[in-house]
Every structure is written in C-alpha cells, then in structure tokens.
Amino acid sequence: MLHRGGGEHLPEEEPWWFLYLMGLLLVGLAVLIEATVPGDGLRSVLELAVVVLMFGLMATWVRRNRVAIELEEARARRQGSDR
C-alpha cells in the first residue's frame, strides 16, 4: 500500500475487476432493456441513460485510481529503459 497525505492509503494496483463488472453490467442492462421495454422511444432513452451512467462510472474509476495508473506507467517505462 502507498500512503498519500491526509492518512489516505492507496493500493499499488488498481482494481481492474470493477471495470470488468461495469462491462458486464452494461451488457446485462442492454439485454434487459432490449428484452423487456417495448417501443423505440423509451428504449432509446433508457439505452442512452445506461451509456451515460457507464461513462460516469468509468470516469470516477479513472479519477480514483489515477495515482496507481501513473505508478504502473512509470514502472513500465523504467523496466523498458532497463533493457
């Protein structure tokens, strides 16, 4: 674990499982909407809402894990320059 000011602990690796879970949720919601919602207008609105929700969740995930992502990129660059 890494330590950031203010007593906040950060994981060394970002939780990729949450991204996979969001993908499954997106597919599941799309299938559910397709199977249960009649009519084109309401279906389109619900599908758009799901897409906006997923973008919001992904943006939140990236914001919360940016330090771990930057550390991983720096580690990869360091390993690449050591060769």
N, C-alpha and C. Protein backbone atom coordinates (compact mmCIF):
# COMPACT_ATOMS: atom_id res chain seq x y z
N MET A 1 0.83 -1.19 0.00
CA MET A 1 0.00 0.00 0.00
C MET A 1 0.86 1.24 0.00
N LEU A 2 0.40 2.24 -0.67
CA LEU A 2 1.07 3.52 -0.69
C LEU A 2 0.35 4.47 0.23
N HIS A 3 1.06 5.49 0.64
CA HIS A 3 0.46 6.43 1.58
C HIS A 3 0.46 7.82 0.94
N ARG A 4 -0.68 8.45 0.95
CA ARG A 4 -0.82 9.81 0.44
C ARG A 4 -1.14 10.70 1.63
N GLY A 5 -0.78 11.96 1.54
CA GLY A 5 -1.05 12.89 2.64
C GLY A 5 -2.49 12.84 3.10
N GLY A 6 -2.72 13.10 4.37
CA GLY A 6 -4.06 13.08 4.91
C GLY A 6 -4.47 11.71 5.43
N GLY A 7 -3.49 10.79 5.56
CA GLY A 7 -3.79 9.48 6.11
C GLY A 7 -4.50 8.54 5.15
N GLU A 8 -4.52 8.89 3.87
CA GLU A 8 -5.22 8.08 2.88
C GLU A 8 -4.27 7.03 2.32
N HIS A 9 -4.70 5.78 2.29
CA HIS A 9 -3.89 4.70 1.74
C HIS A 9 -4.37 4.38 0.33
N LEU A 10 -3.41 4.15 -0.53
CA LEU A 10 -3.72 3.84 -1.93
C LEU A 10 -3.21 2.44 -2.26
N PRO A 11 -3.97 1.67 -2.99
CA PRO A 11 -3.47 0.36 -3.41
C PRO A 11 -2.40 0.53 -4.49
N GLU A 12 -1.44 -0.39 -4.54
CA GLU A 12 -0.42 -0.32 -5.59
C GLU A 12 -1.00 -0.62 -6.95
N GLU A 13 -2.00 -1.48 -6.99
CA GLU A 13 -2.62 -1.84 -8.26
C GLU A 13 -4.08 -1.44 -8.24
N GLU A 14 -4.53 -0.91 -9.37
CA GLU A 14 -5.93 -0.50 -9.47
C GLU A 14 -6.82 -1.73 -9.58
N PRO A 15 -8.03 -1.66 -9.04
CA PRO A 15 -8.94 -2.82 -9.07
C PRO A 15 -9.60 -3.00 -10.44
N TRP A 16 -8.94 -3.76 -11.31
CA TRP A 16 -9.45 -3.96 -12.66
C TRP A 16 -10.78 -4.69 -12.66
N TRP A 17 -11.05 -5.48 -11.63
CA TRP A 17 -12.29 -6.24 -11.59
C TRP A 17 -13.50 -5.32 -11.67
N PHE A 18 -13.38 -4.09 -11.16
CA PHE A 18 -14.50 -3.17 -11.20
C PHE A 18 -14.82 -2.77 -12.64
N LEU A 19 -13.80 -2.61 -13.48
CA LEU A 19 -14.04 -2.30 -14.89
C LEU A 19 -14.74 -3.47 -15.58
N TYR A 20 -14.31 -4.68 -15.28
CA TYR A 20 -14.97 -5.85 -15.86
C TYR A 20 -16.42 -5.93 -15.39
N LEU A 21 -16.65 -5.63 -14.13
CA LEU A 21 -18.01 -5.63 -13.59
C LEU A 21 -18.88 -4.59 -14.30
N MET A 22 -18.31 -3.42 -14.56
CA MET A 22 -19.07 -2.38 -15.28
C MET A 22 -19.42 -2.85 -16.69
N GLY A 23 -18.49 -3.53 -17.36
CA GLY A 23 -18.78 -4.06 -18.69
C GLY A 23 -19.91 -5.07 -18.67
N LEU A 24 -19.87 -5.97 -17.70
CA LEU A 24 -20.95 -6.95 -17.57
C LEU A 24 -22.27 -6.27 -17.26
N LEU A 25 -22.23 -5.26 -16.40
CA LEU A 25 -23.44 -4.52 -16.06
C LEU A 25 -24.01 -3.83 -17.29
N LEU A 26 -23.16 -3.24 -18.11
CA LEU A 26 -23.61 -2.57 -19.33
C LEU A 26 -24.29 -3.56 -20.27
N VAL A 27 -23.66 -4.71 -20.48
CA VAL A 27 -24.25 -5.72 -21.36
C VAL A 27 -25.56 -6.23 -20.78
N GLY A 28 -25.57 -6.51 -19.47
CA GLY A 28 -26.78 -7.01 -18.83
C GLY A 28 -27.94 -6.02 -18.92
N LEU A 29 -27.65 -4.75 -18.67
CA LEU A 29 -28.71 -3.75 -18.76
C LEU A 29 -29.21 -3.60 -20.19
N ALA A 30 -28.31 -3.65 -21.16
CA ALA A 30 -28.72 -3.53 -22.56
C ALA A 30 -29.62 -4.69 -22.96
N VAL A 31 -29.26 -5.91 -22.54
CA VAL A 31 -30.09 -7.08 -22.84
C VAL A 31 -31.44 -6.97 -22.14
N LEU A 32 -31.43 -6.55 -20.89
CA LEU A 32 -32.67 -6.39 -20.14
C LEU A 32 -33.59 -5.36 -20.79
N ILE A 33 -33.03 -4.24 -21.20
CA ILE A 33 -33.83 -3.20 -21.86
C ILE A 33 -34.38 -3.73 -23.18
N GLU A 34 -33.54 -4.40 -23.94
CA GLU A 34 -33.97 -4.93 -25.24
C GLU A 34 -35.10 -5.95 -25.09
N ALA A 35 -35.02 -6.76 -24.05
CA ALA A 35 -35.99 -7.84 -23.88
C ALA A 35 -37.29 -7.39 -23.24
N THR A 36 -37.25 -6.34 -22.44
CA THR A 36 -38.44 -6.02 -21.65
C THR A 36 -39.12 -4.70 -21.99
N VAL A 37 -38.43 -3.80 -22.67
CA VAL A 37 -39.02 -2.47 -22.90
C VAL A 37 -39.58 -2.40 -24.31
N PRO A 38 -40.88 -2.22 -24.44
CA PRO A 38 -41.47 -2.09 -25.77
C PRO A 38 -41.32 -0.65 -26.28
N GLY A 39 -41.32 -0.52 -27.57
CA GLY A 39 -41.29 0.82 -28.17
C GLY A 39 -39.88 1.35 -28.35
N ASP A 40 -39.72 2.11 -29.43
CA ASP A 40 -38.39 2.63 -29.75
C ASP A 40 -38.00 3.84 -28.91
N GLY A 41 -38.93 4.72 -28.62
CA GLY A 41 -38.60 5.96 -27.92
C GLY A 41 -38.08 5.72 -26.51
N LEU A 42 -38.83 4.99 -25.70
CA LEU A 42 -38.42 4.72 -24.33
C LEU A 42 -37.17 3.87 -24.29
N ARG A 43 -37.08 2.91 -25.18
CA ARG A 43 -35.90 2.04 -25.23
C ARG A 43 -34.64 2.86 -25.53
N SER A 44 -34.74 3.78 -26.47
CA SER A 44 -33.58 4.61 -26.81
C SER A 44 -33.17 5.49 -25.64
N VAL A 45 -34.13 6.06 -24.94
CA VAL A 45 -33.82 6.90 -23.79
C VAL A 45 -33.13 6.09 -22.70
N LEU A 46 -33.64 4.89 -22.42
CA LEU A 46 -33.03 4.05 -21.39
C LEU A 46 -31.63 3.60 -21.79
N GLU A 47 -31.43 3.25 -23.05
CA GLU A 47 -30.10 2.85 -23.50
C GLU A 47 -29.12 4.01 -23.40
N LEU A 48 -29.56 5.20 -23.74
CA LEU A 48 -28.71 6.38 -23.60
C LEU A 48 -28.36 6.63 -22.14
N ALA A 49 -29.34 6.46 -21.26
CA ALA A 49 -29.09 6.65 -19.82
C ALA A 49 -28.06 5.65 -19.31
N VAL A 50 -28.13 4.40 -19.78
CA VAL A 50 -27.16 3.39 -19.37
C VAL A 50 -25.76 3.76 -19.84
N VAL A 51 -25.64 4.22 -21.07
CA VAL A 51 -24.33 4.61 -21.61
C VAL A 51 -23.76 5.79 -20.82
N VAL A 52 -24.57 6.79 -20.53
CA VAL A 52 -24.11 7.94 -19.75
C VAL A 52 -23.68 7.50 -18.36
N LEU A 53 -24.44 6.60 -17.74
CA LEU A 53 -24.09 6.07 -16.43
C LEU A 53 -22.74 5.35 -16.48
N MET A 54 -22.52 4.55 -17.50
CA MET A 54 -21.26 3.82 -17.62
C MET A 54 -20.08 4.76 -17.81
N PHE A 55 -20.24 5.79 -18.63
CA PHE A 55 -19.16 6.76 -18.79
C PHE A 55 -18.87 7.46 -17.47
N GLY A 56 -19.90 7.79 -16.72
CA GLY A 56 -19.70 8.41 -15.42
C GLY A 56 -18.96 7.50 -14.45
N LEU A 57 -19.34 6.21 -14.43
CA LEU A 57 -18.65 5.26 -13.55
C LEU A 57 -17.19 5.06 -13.97
N MET A 58 -16.94 4.99 -15.28
CA MET A 58 -15.57 4.83 -15.75
C MET A 58 -14.72 6.05 -15.41
N ALA A 59 -15.29 7.25 -15.58
CA ALA A 59 -14.56 8.48 -15.26
C ALA A 59 -14.24 8.53 -13.76
N THR A 60 -15.19 8.11 -12.94
CA THR A 60 -14.96 8.07 -11.50
C THR A 60 -13.86 7.07 -11.16
N TRP A 61 -13.88 5.91 -11.81
CA TRP A 61 -12.86 4.89 -11.56
C TRP A 61 -11.47 5.41 -11.91
N VAL A 62 -11.35 6.06 -13.08
CA VAL A 62 -10.06 6.60 -13.51
C VAL A 62 -9.59 7.67 -12.53
N ARG A 63 -10.48 8.54 -12.11
CA ARG A 63 -10.12 9.61 -11.18
C ARG A 63 -9.65 9.03 -9.85
N ARG A 64 -10.33 8.02 -9.35
CA ARG A 64 -9.96 7.43 -8.06
C ARG A 64 -8.67 6.61 -8.14
N ASN A 65 -8.32 6.13 -9.32
CA ASN A 65 -7.16 5.25 -9.47
C ASN A 65 -6.03 5.88 -10.27
N ARG A 66 -6.06 7.18 -10.46
CA ARG A 66 -5.06 7.81 -11.32
C ARG A 66 -3.64 7.66 -10.78
N VAL A 67 -3.48 7.69 -9.47
CA VAL A 67 -2.15 7.54 -8.89
C VAL A 67 -1.60 6.15 -9.17
N ALA A 68 -2.41 5.12 -8.96
CA ALA A 68 -1.96 3.75 -9.24
C ALA A 68 -1.67 3.56 -10.72
N ILE A 69 -2.46 4.17 -11.59
CA ILE A 69 -2.23 4.07 -13.03
C ILE A 69 -0.91 4.74 -13.40
N GLU A 70 -0.66 5.93 -12.86
CA GLU A 70 0.59 6.64 -13.14
C GLU A 70 1.79 5.87 -12.62
N LEU A 71 1.67 5.26 -11.44
CA LEU A 71 2.77 4.45 -10.90
C LEU A 71 3.05 3.25 -11.80
N GLU A 72 2.02 2.61 -12.28
CA GLU A 72 2.20 1.46 -13.17
C GLU A 72 2.85 1.88 -14.48
N GLU A 73 2.44 3.02 -15.03
CA GLU A 73 3.05 3.51 -16.27
C GLU A 73 4.52 3.85 -16.04
N ALA A 74 4.84 4.48 -14.91
CA ALA A 74 6.23 4.82 -14.59
C ALA A 74 7.06 3.55 -14.42
N ARG A 75 6.49 2.54 -13.77
CA ARG A 75 7.19 1.27 -13.58
C ARG A 75 7.46 0.62 -14.93
N ALA A 76 6.49 0.66 -15.83
CA ALA A 76 6.67 0.06 -17.17
C ALA A 76 7.74 0.82 -17.95
N ARG A 77 7.76 2.15 -17.83
CA ARG A 77 8.79 2.93 -18.53
C ARG A 77 10.18 2.61 -17.98
N ARG A 78 10.27 2.48 -16.65
CA ARG A 78 11.55 2.15 -16.02
C ARG A 78 12.05 0.79 -16.48
N GLN A 79 11.16 -0.18 -16.51
CA GLN A 79 11.53 -1.53 -16.94
C GLN A 79 11.93 -1.53 -18.42
N GLY A 80 11.25 -0.71 -19.23
CA GLY A 80 11.58 -0.62 -20.65
C GLY A 80 12.94 0.01 -20.87
N SER A 81 13.34 0.96 -20.04
CA SER A 81 14.63 1.62 -20.20
C SER A 81 15.78 0.79 -19.63
N ASP A 82 15.47 -0.19 -18.79
CA ASP A 82 16.49 -1.05 -18.21
C ASP A 82 16.97 -2.11 -19.19
N ARG A 83 16.25 -2.34 -20.24
CA ARG A 83 16.61 -3.41 -21.19
C ARG A 83 17.74 -3.00 -22.06
